[in-house]
């Protein structure tokens, strides 16, 4: 192989490995509830109500997660 071909192959393998490593694993149901709660807290609540605790508790119960 020429040096140029080898460099191109190495760059491709590196970029593919980087994309695979940076892909976030899918969230489980309990993690999804926490992520939605965090979004709610950061954005002033759902529909402007500023109530994030009730939907969070409902989500945890529905998903079968321990209540916090």
PDB file of N, CA and C in Angstrom:
ATOM      1  N   UNK A   1       0.840  -1.182   0.000  1.00  0.00           N
ATOM      2  CA  UNK A   1       0.000   0.000   0.000  1.00  0.00           C
ATOM      3  C   UNK A   1       0.885   1.245   0.000  1.00  0.00           C
ATOM      4  N   UNK A   2       0.392   2.238  -0.671  1.00  0.00           N
ATOM      5  CA  UNK A   2       1.139   3.494  -0.672  1.00  0.00           C
ATOM      6  C   UNK A   2       0.899   4.219   0.654  1.00  0.00           C
ATOM      7  N   UNK A   3       1.764   5.148   0.961  1.00  0.00           N
ATOM      8  CA  UNK A   3       1.627   5.906   2.213  1.00  0.00           C
ATOM      9  C   UNK A   3       0.321   6.692   2.237  1.00  0.00           C
ATOM     10  N   UNK A   4      -0.080   7.195   1.071  1.00  0.00           N
ATOM     11  CA  UNK A   4      -1.319   7.976   0.994  1.00  0.00           C
ATOM     12  C   UNK A   4      -2.528   7.081   1.291  1.00  0.00           C
ATOM     13  N   UNK A   5      -2.556   5.890   0.735  1.00  0.00           N
ATOM     14  CA  UNK A   5      -3.666   4.956   0.978  1.00  0.00           C
ATOM     15  C   UNK A   5      -3.700   4.526   2.433  1.00  0.00           C
ATOM     16  N   UNK A   6      -2.540   4.262   2.990  1.00  0.00           N
ATOM     17  CA  UNK A   6      -2.466   3.863   4.386  1.00  0.00           C
ATOM     18  C   UNK A   6      -2.942   4.986   5.305  1.00  0.00           C
ATOM     19  N   UNK A   7      -2.573   6.212   5.005  1.00  0.00           N
ATOM     20  CA  UNK A   7      -3.012   7.361   5.803  1.00  0.00           C
ATOM     21  C   UNK A   7      -4.522   7.541   5.704  1.00  0.00           C
ATOM     22  N   UNK A   8      -5.075   7.361   4.509  1.00  0.00           N
ATOM     23  CA  UNK A   8      -6.523   7.497   4.328  1.00  0.00           C
ATOM     24  C   UNK A   8      -7.261   6.406   5.097  1.00  0.00           C
ATOM     25  N   UNK A   9      -6.741   5.185   5.050  1.00  0.00           N
ATOM     26  CA  UNK A   9      -7.360   4.087   5.777  1.00  0.00           C
ATOM     27  C   UNK A   9      -7.296   4.339   7.284  1.00  0.00           C
ATOM     28  N   UNK A  10      -6.159   4.797   7.775  1.00  0.00           N
ATOM     29  CA  UNK A  10      -6.017   5.087   9.201  1.00  0.00           C
ATOM     30  C   UNK A  10      -6.973   6.195   9.633  1.00  0.00           C
ATOM     31  N   UNK A  11      -7.135   7.220   8.816  1.00  0.00           N
ATOM     32  CA  UNK A  11      -8.051   8.312   9.142  1.00  0.00           C
ATOM     33  C   UNK A  11      -9.492   7.809   9.188  1.00  0.00           C
ATOM     34  N   UNK A  12      -9.862   6.934   8.269  1.00  0.00           N
ATOM     35  CA  UNK A  12     -11.212   6.388   8.246  1.00  0.00           C
ATOM     36  C   UNK A  12     -11.476   5.547   9.494  1.00  0.00           C
ATOM     37  N   UNK A  13     -10.544   4.678   9.825  1.00  0.00           N
ATOM     38  CA  UNK A  13     -10.711   3.822  11.000  1.00  0.00           C
ATOM     39  C   UNK A  13     -10.790   4.669  12.266  1.00  0.00           C
ATOM     40  N   UNK A  14      -9.951   5.681  12.381  1.00  0.00           N
ATOM     41  CA  UNK A  14      -9.970   6.553  13.550  1.00  0.00           C
ATOM     42  C   UNK A  14     -11.293   7.297  13.656  1.00  0.00           C
ATOM     43  N   UNK A  15     -11.787   7.838  12.548  1.00  0.00           N
ATOM     44  CA  UNK A  15     -13.043   8.590  12.601  1.00  0.00           C
ATOM     45  C   UNK A  15     -14.212   7.677  12.933  1.00  0.00           C
ATOM     46  N   UNK A  16     -14.204   6.457  12.404  1.00  0.00           N
ATOM     47  CA  UNK A  16     -15.280   5.510  12.719  1.00  0.00           C
ATOM     48  C   UNK A  16     -15.237   5.132  14.196  1.00  0.00           C
ATOM     49  N   UNK A  17     -14.052   4.937  14.739  1.00  0.00           N
ATOM     50  CA  UNK A  17     -13.919   4.594  16.157  1.00  0.00           C
ATOM     51  C   UNK A  17     -14.356   5.759  17.037  1.00  0.00           C
ATOM     52  N   UNK A  18     -14.051   6.974  16.623  1.00  0.00           N
ATOM     53  CA  UNK A  18     -14.432   8.160  17.392  1.00  0.00           C
ATOM     54  C   UNK A  18     -15.953   8.304  17.432  1.00  0.00           C
ATOM     55  N   UNK A  19     -16.606   8.109  16.293  1.00  0.00           N
ATOM     56  CA  UNK A  19     -18.068   8.209  16.245  1.00  0.00           C
ATOM     57  C   UNK A  19     -18.693   7.133  17.115  1.00  0.00           C
ATOM     58  N   UNK A  20     -18.191   5.913  17.032  1.00  0.00           N
ATOM     59  CA  UNK A  20     -18.743   4.824  17.829  1.00  0.00           C
ATOM     60  C   UNK A  20     -18.550   5.081  19.322  1.00  0.00           C
ATOM     61  N   UNK A  21     -17.416   5.625  19.697  1.00  0.00           N
ATOM     62  CA  UNK A  21     -17.139   5.873  21.109  1.00  0.00           C
ATOM     63  C   UNK A  21     -17.936   7.047  21.657  1.00  0.00           C
ATOM     64  N   UNK A  22     -18.256   8.025  20.817  1.00  0.00           N
ATOM     65  CA  UNK A  22     -18.961   9.208  21.298  1.00  0.00           C
ATOM     66  C   UNK A  22     -20.474   9.044  21.286  1.00  0.00           C
ATOM     67  N   UNK A  23     -20.973   8.000  20.664  1.00  0.00           N
ATOM     68  CA  UNK A  23     -22.416   7.773  20.641  1.00  0.00           C
ATOM     69  C   UNK A  23     -22.870   7.410  22.048  1.00  0.00           C
ATOM     70  N   UNK A  24     -23.846   8.136  22.546  1.00  0.00           N
ATOM     71  CA  UNK A  24     -24.341   7.894  23.894  1.00  0.00           C
ATOM     72  C   UNK A  24     -25.198   6.631  23.906  1.00  0.00           C
ATOM     73  N   UNK A  25     -25.063   5.835  24.944  1.00  0.00           N
ATOM     74  CA  UNK A  25     -25.922   4.660  25.037  1.00  0.00           C
ATOM     75  C   UNK A  25     -27.357   5.103  25.277  1.00  0.00           C
ATOM     76  N   UNK A  26     -28.316   4.316  24.854  1.00  0.00           N
ATOM     77  CA  UNK A  26     -29.713   4.704  25.080  1.00  0.00           C
ATOM     78  C   UNK A  26     -30.016   4.758  26.572  1.00  0.00           C
ATOM     79  N   UNK A  27     -30.872   5.674  26.934  1.00  0.00           N
ATOM     80  CA  UNK A  27     -31.229   5.839  28.343  1.00  0.00           C
ATOM     81  C   UNK A  27     -32.246   4.791  28.749  1.00  0.00           C
ATOM     82  N   UNK A  28     -32.099   4.289  29.957  1.00  0.00           N
ATOM     83  CA  UNK A  28     -33.110   3.414  30.525  1.00  0.00           C
ATOM     84  C   UNK A  28     -34.291   4.255  30.981  1.00  0.00           C
ATOM     85  N   UNK A  29     -35.399   3.627  31.353  1.00  0.00           N
ATOM     86  CA  UNK A  29     -36.582   4.410  31.739  1.00  0.00           C
ATOM     87  C   UNK A  29     -36.351   5.310  32.951  1.00  0.00           C
ATOM     88  N   UNK A  30     -35.592   4.851  33.937  1.00  0.00           N
ATOM     89  CA  UNK A  30     -35.329   5.685  35.117  1.00  0.00           C
ATOM     90  C   UNK A  30     -34.425   6.856  34.756  1.00  0.00           C
ATOM     91  N   UNK A  31     -33.440   6.593  33.909  1.00  0.00           N
ATOM     92  CA  UNK A  31     -32.552   7.668  33.459  1.00  0.00           C
ATOM     93  C   UNK A  31     -33.318   8.675  32.617  1.00  0.00           C
ATOM     94  N   UNK A  32     -34.275   8.207  31.822  1.00  0.00           N
ATOM     95  CA  UNK A  32     -35.090   9.103  31.003  1.00  0.00           C
ATOM     96  C   UNK A  32     -35.921  10.026  31.890  1.00  0.00           C
ATOM     97  N   UNK A  33     -36.472   9.474  32.958  1.00  0.00           N
ATOM     98  CA  UNK A  33     -37.240  10.304  33.900  1.00  0.00           C
ATOM     99  C   UNK A  33     -36.357  11.397  34.493  1.00  0.00           C
ATOM    100  N   UNK A  34     -35.142  11.026  34.886  1.00  0.00           N
ATOM    101  CA  UNK A  34     -34.224  12.008  35.469  1.00  0.00           C
ATOM    102  C   UNK A  34     -33.816  13.064  34.446  1.00  0.00           C
ATOM    103  N   UNK A  35     -33.605  12.641  33.200  1.00  0.00           N
ATOM    104  CA  UNK A  35     -33.233  13.594  32.151  1.00  0.00           C
ATOM    105  C   UNK A  35     -34.377  14.582  31.898  1.00  0.00           C
ATOM    106  N   UNK A  36     -35.615  14.078  31.870  1.00  0.00           N
ATOM    107  CA  UNK A  36     -36.768  14.956  31.664  1.00  0.00           C
ATOM    108  C   UNK A  36     -36.945  15.904  32.856  1.00  0.00           C
ATOM    109  N   UNK A  37     -36.694  15.402  34.054  1.00  0.00           N
ATOM    110  CA  UNK A  37     -36.773  16.251  35.250  1.00  0.00           C
ATOM    111  C   UNK A  37     -35.735  17.367  35.175  1.00  0.00           C
ATOM    112  N   UNK A  38     -34.531  17.014  34.778  1.00  0.00           N
ATOM    113  CA  UNK A  38     -33.475  18.018  34.665  1.00  0.00           C
ATOM    114  C   UNK A  38     -33.825  19.061  33.613  1.00  0.00           C
ATOM    115  N   UNK A  39     -34.383  18.613  32.487  1.00  0.00           N
ATOM    116  CA  UNK A  39     -34.807  19.545  31.441  1.00  0.00           C
ATOM    117  C   UNK A  39     -35.881  20.474  31.999  1.00  0.00           C
ATOM    118  N   UNK A  40     -36.834  19.899  32.727  1.00  0.00           N
ATOM    119  CA  UNK A  40     -37.919  20.685  33.325  1.00  0.00           C
ATOM    120  C   UNK A  40     -37.362  21.754  34.265  1.00  0.00           C
ATOM    121  N   UNK A  41     -36.435  21.351  35.130  1.00  0.00           N
ATOM    122  CA  UNK A  41     -35.847  22.296  36.080  1.00  0.00           C
ATOM    123  C   UNK A  41     -35.062  23.394  35.372  1.00  0.00           C
ATOM    124  N   UNK A  42     -34.388  23.049  34.312  1.00  0.00           N
ATOM    125  CA  UNK A  42     -33.587  24.031  33.581  1.00  0.00           C
ATOM    126  C   UNK A  42     -34.434  24.985  32.747  1.00  0.00           C
ATOM    127  N   UNK A  43     -35.675  24.605  32.453  1.00  0.00           N
ATOM    128  CA  UNK A  43     -36.504  25.406  31.557  1.00  0.00           C
ATOM    129  C   UNK A  43     -37.758  25.964  32.218  1.00  0.00           C
ATOM    130  N   UNK A  44     -37.795  26.008  33.536  1.00  0.00           N
ATOM    131  CA  UNK A  44     -38.910  26.659  34.220  1.00  0.00           C
ATOM    132  C   UNK A  44     -40.166  25.843  34.341  1.00  0.00           C
ATOM    133  N   UNK A  45     -40.086  24.561  34.169  1.00  0.00           N
ATOM    134  CA  UNK A  45     -41.258  23.702  34.344  1.00  0.00           C
ATOM    135  C   UNK A  45     -41.988  23.427  33.050  1.00  0.00           C
ATOM    136  N   UNK A  46     -42.907  22.476  33.136  1.00  0.00           N
ATOM    137  CA  UNK A  46     -43.720  22.124  31.976  1.00  0.00           C
ATOM    138  C   UNK A  46     -44.831  23.149  31.829  1.00  0.00           C
ATOM    139  N   UNK A  47     -45.006  23.664  30.668  1.00  0.00           N
ATOM    140  CA  UNK A  47     -46.076  24.635  30.366  1.00  0.00           C
ATOM    141  C   UNK A  47     -46.031  25.847  31.285  1.00  0.00           C
ATOM    142  N   UNK A  48     -44.845  26.194  31.766  1.00  0.00           N
ATOM    143  CA  UNK A  48     -44.692  27.375  32.603  1.00  0.00           C
ATOM    144  C   UNK A  48     -45.213  27.220  34.014  1.00  0.00           C
ATOM    145  N   UNK A  49     -45.566  26.012  34.433  1.00  0.00           N
ATOM    146  CA  UNK A  49     -46.128  25.820  35.771  1.00  0.00           C
ATOM    147  C   UNK A  49     -45.067  25.773  36.859  1.00  0.00           C
ATOM    148  N   UNK A  50     -43.822  25.576  36.493  1.00  0.00           N
ATOM    149  CA  UNK A  50     -42.700  25.434  37.411  1.00  0.00           C
ATOM    150  C   UNK A  50     -42.836  24.205  38.299  1.00  0.00           C
ATOM    151  N   UNK A  51     -43.778  23.318  37.992  1.00  0.00           N
ATOM    152  CA  UNK A  51     -43.948  22.082  38.756  1.00  0.00           C
ATOM    153  C   UNK A  51     -43.226  20.960  38.027  1.00  0.00           C
ATOM    154  N   UNK A  52     -42.102  20.544  38.564  1.00  0.00           N
ATOM    155  CA  UNK A  52     -41.337  19.445  37.977  1.00  0.00           C
ATOM    156  C   UNK A  52     -41.396  18.200  38.851  1.00  0.00           C
ATOM    157  N   UNK A  53     -41.707  18.382  40.129  1.00  0.00           N
ATOM    158  CA  UNK A  53     -41.706  17.257  41.067  1.00  0.00           C
ATOM    159  C   UNK A  53     -42.826  16.258  40.769  1.00  0.00           C
ATOM    160  N   UNK A  54     -44.037  16.750  40.510  1.00  0.00           N
ATOM    161  CA  UNK A  54     -45.165  15.846  40.267  1.00  0.00           C
ATOM    162  C   UNK A  54     -44.967  14.999  39.013  1.00  0.00           C
ATOM    163  N   UNK A  55     -44.620  15.607  37.865  1.00  0.00           N
ATOM    164  CA  UNK A  55     -44.389  14.783  36.685  1.00  0.00           C
ATOM    165  C   UNK A  55     -43.218  13.815  36.870  1.00  0.00           C
ATOM    166  N   UNK A  56     -42.199  14.230  37.629  1.00  0.00           N
ATOM    167  CA  UNK A  56     -41.052  13.369  37.885  1.00  0.00           C
ATOM    168  C   UNK A  56     -41.476  12.148  38.696  1.00  0.00           C
ATOM    169  N   UNK A  57     -42.245  12.370  39.749  1.00  0.00           N
ATOM    170  CA  UNK A  57     -42.732  11.259  40.572  1.00  0.00           C
ATOM    171  C   UNK A  57     -43.622  10.329  39.758  1.00  0.00           C
ATOM    172  N   UNK A  58     -44.508  10.912  38.954  1.00  0.00           N
ATOM    173  CA  UNK A  58     -45.379  10.095  38.100  1.00  0.00           C
ATOM    174  C   UNK A  58     -44.561   9.250  37.124  1.00  0.00           C
ATOM    175  N   UNK A  59     -43.531   9.838  36.554  1.00  0.00           N
ATOM    176  CA  UNK A  59     -42.684   9.125  35.606  1.00  0.00           C
ATOM    177  C   UNK A  59     -41.977   7.961  36.303  1.00  0.00           C
ATOM    178  N   UNK A  60     -41.423   8.220  37.497  1.00  0.00           N
ATOM    179  CA  UNK A  60     -40.733   7.160  38.230  1.00  0.00           C
ATOM    180  C   UNK A  60     -41.675   6.017  38.579  1.00  0.00           C
ATOM    181  N   UNK A  61     -42.887   6.346  39.005  1.00  0.00           N
ATOM    182  CA  UNK A  61     -43.867   5.316  39.346  1.00  0.00           C
ATOM    183  C   UNK A  61     -44.232   4.514  38.102  1.00  0.00           C
ATOM    184  N   UNK A  62     -44.517   5.202  37.012  1.00  0.00           N
ATOM    185  CA  UNK A  62     -44.902   4.531  35.771  1.00  0.00           C
ATOM    186  C   UNK A  62     -43.794   3.621  35.258  1.00  0.00           C
ATOM    187  N   UNK A  63     -42.536   4.047  35.417  1.00  0.00           N
ATOM    188  CA  UNK A  63     -41.403   3.277  34.915  1.00  0.00           C
ATOM    189  C   UNK A  63     -40.969   2.179  35.896  1.00  0.00           C
ATOM    190  N   UNK A  64     -41.551   2.166  37.100  1.00  0.00           N
ATOM    191  CA  UNK A  64     -41.180   1.162  38.090  1.00  0.00           C
ATOM    192  C   UNK A  64     -39.852   1.453  38.773  1.00  0.00           C
ATOM    193  N   UNK A  65     -39.499   2.714  38.853  1.00  0.00           N
ATOM    194  CA  UNK A  65     -38.240   3.119  39.467  1.00  0.00           C
ATOM    195  C   UNK A  65     -38.465   3.447  40.935  1.00  0.00           C
ATOM    196  N   UNK A  66     -37.402   3.361  41.742  1.00  0.00           N
ATOM    197  CA  UNK A  66     -37.559   3.785  43.150  1.00  0.00           C
ATOM    198  C   UNK A  66     -37.801   5.283  43.225  1.00  0.00           C
ATOM    199  N   UNK A  67     -38.676   5.687  44.113  1.00  0.00           N
ATOM    200  CA  UNK A  67     -38.955   7.113  44.278  1.00  0.00           C
ATOM    201  C   UNK A  67     -37.789   7.772  44.991  1.00  0.00           C
ATOM    202  N   UNK A  68     -37.525   9.022  44.620  1.00  0.00           N
ATOM    203  CA  UNK A  68     -36.405   9.760  45.211  1.00  0.00           C
ATOM    204  C   UNK A  68     -36.916  10.860  46.084  1.00  0.00           C
TER     205      UNK A  68
END
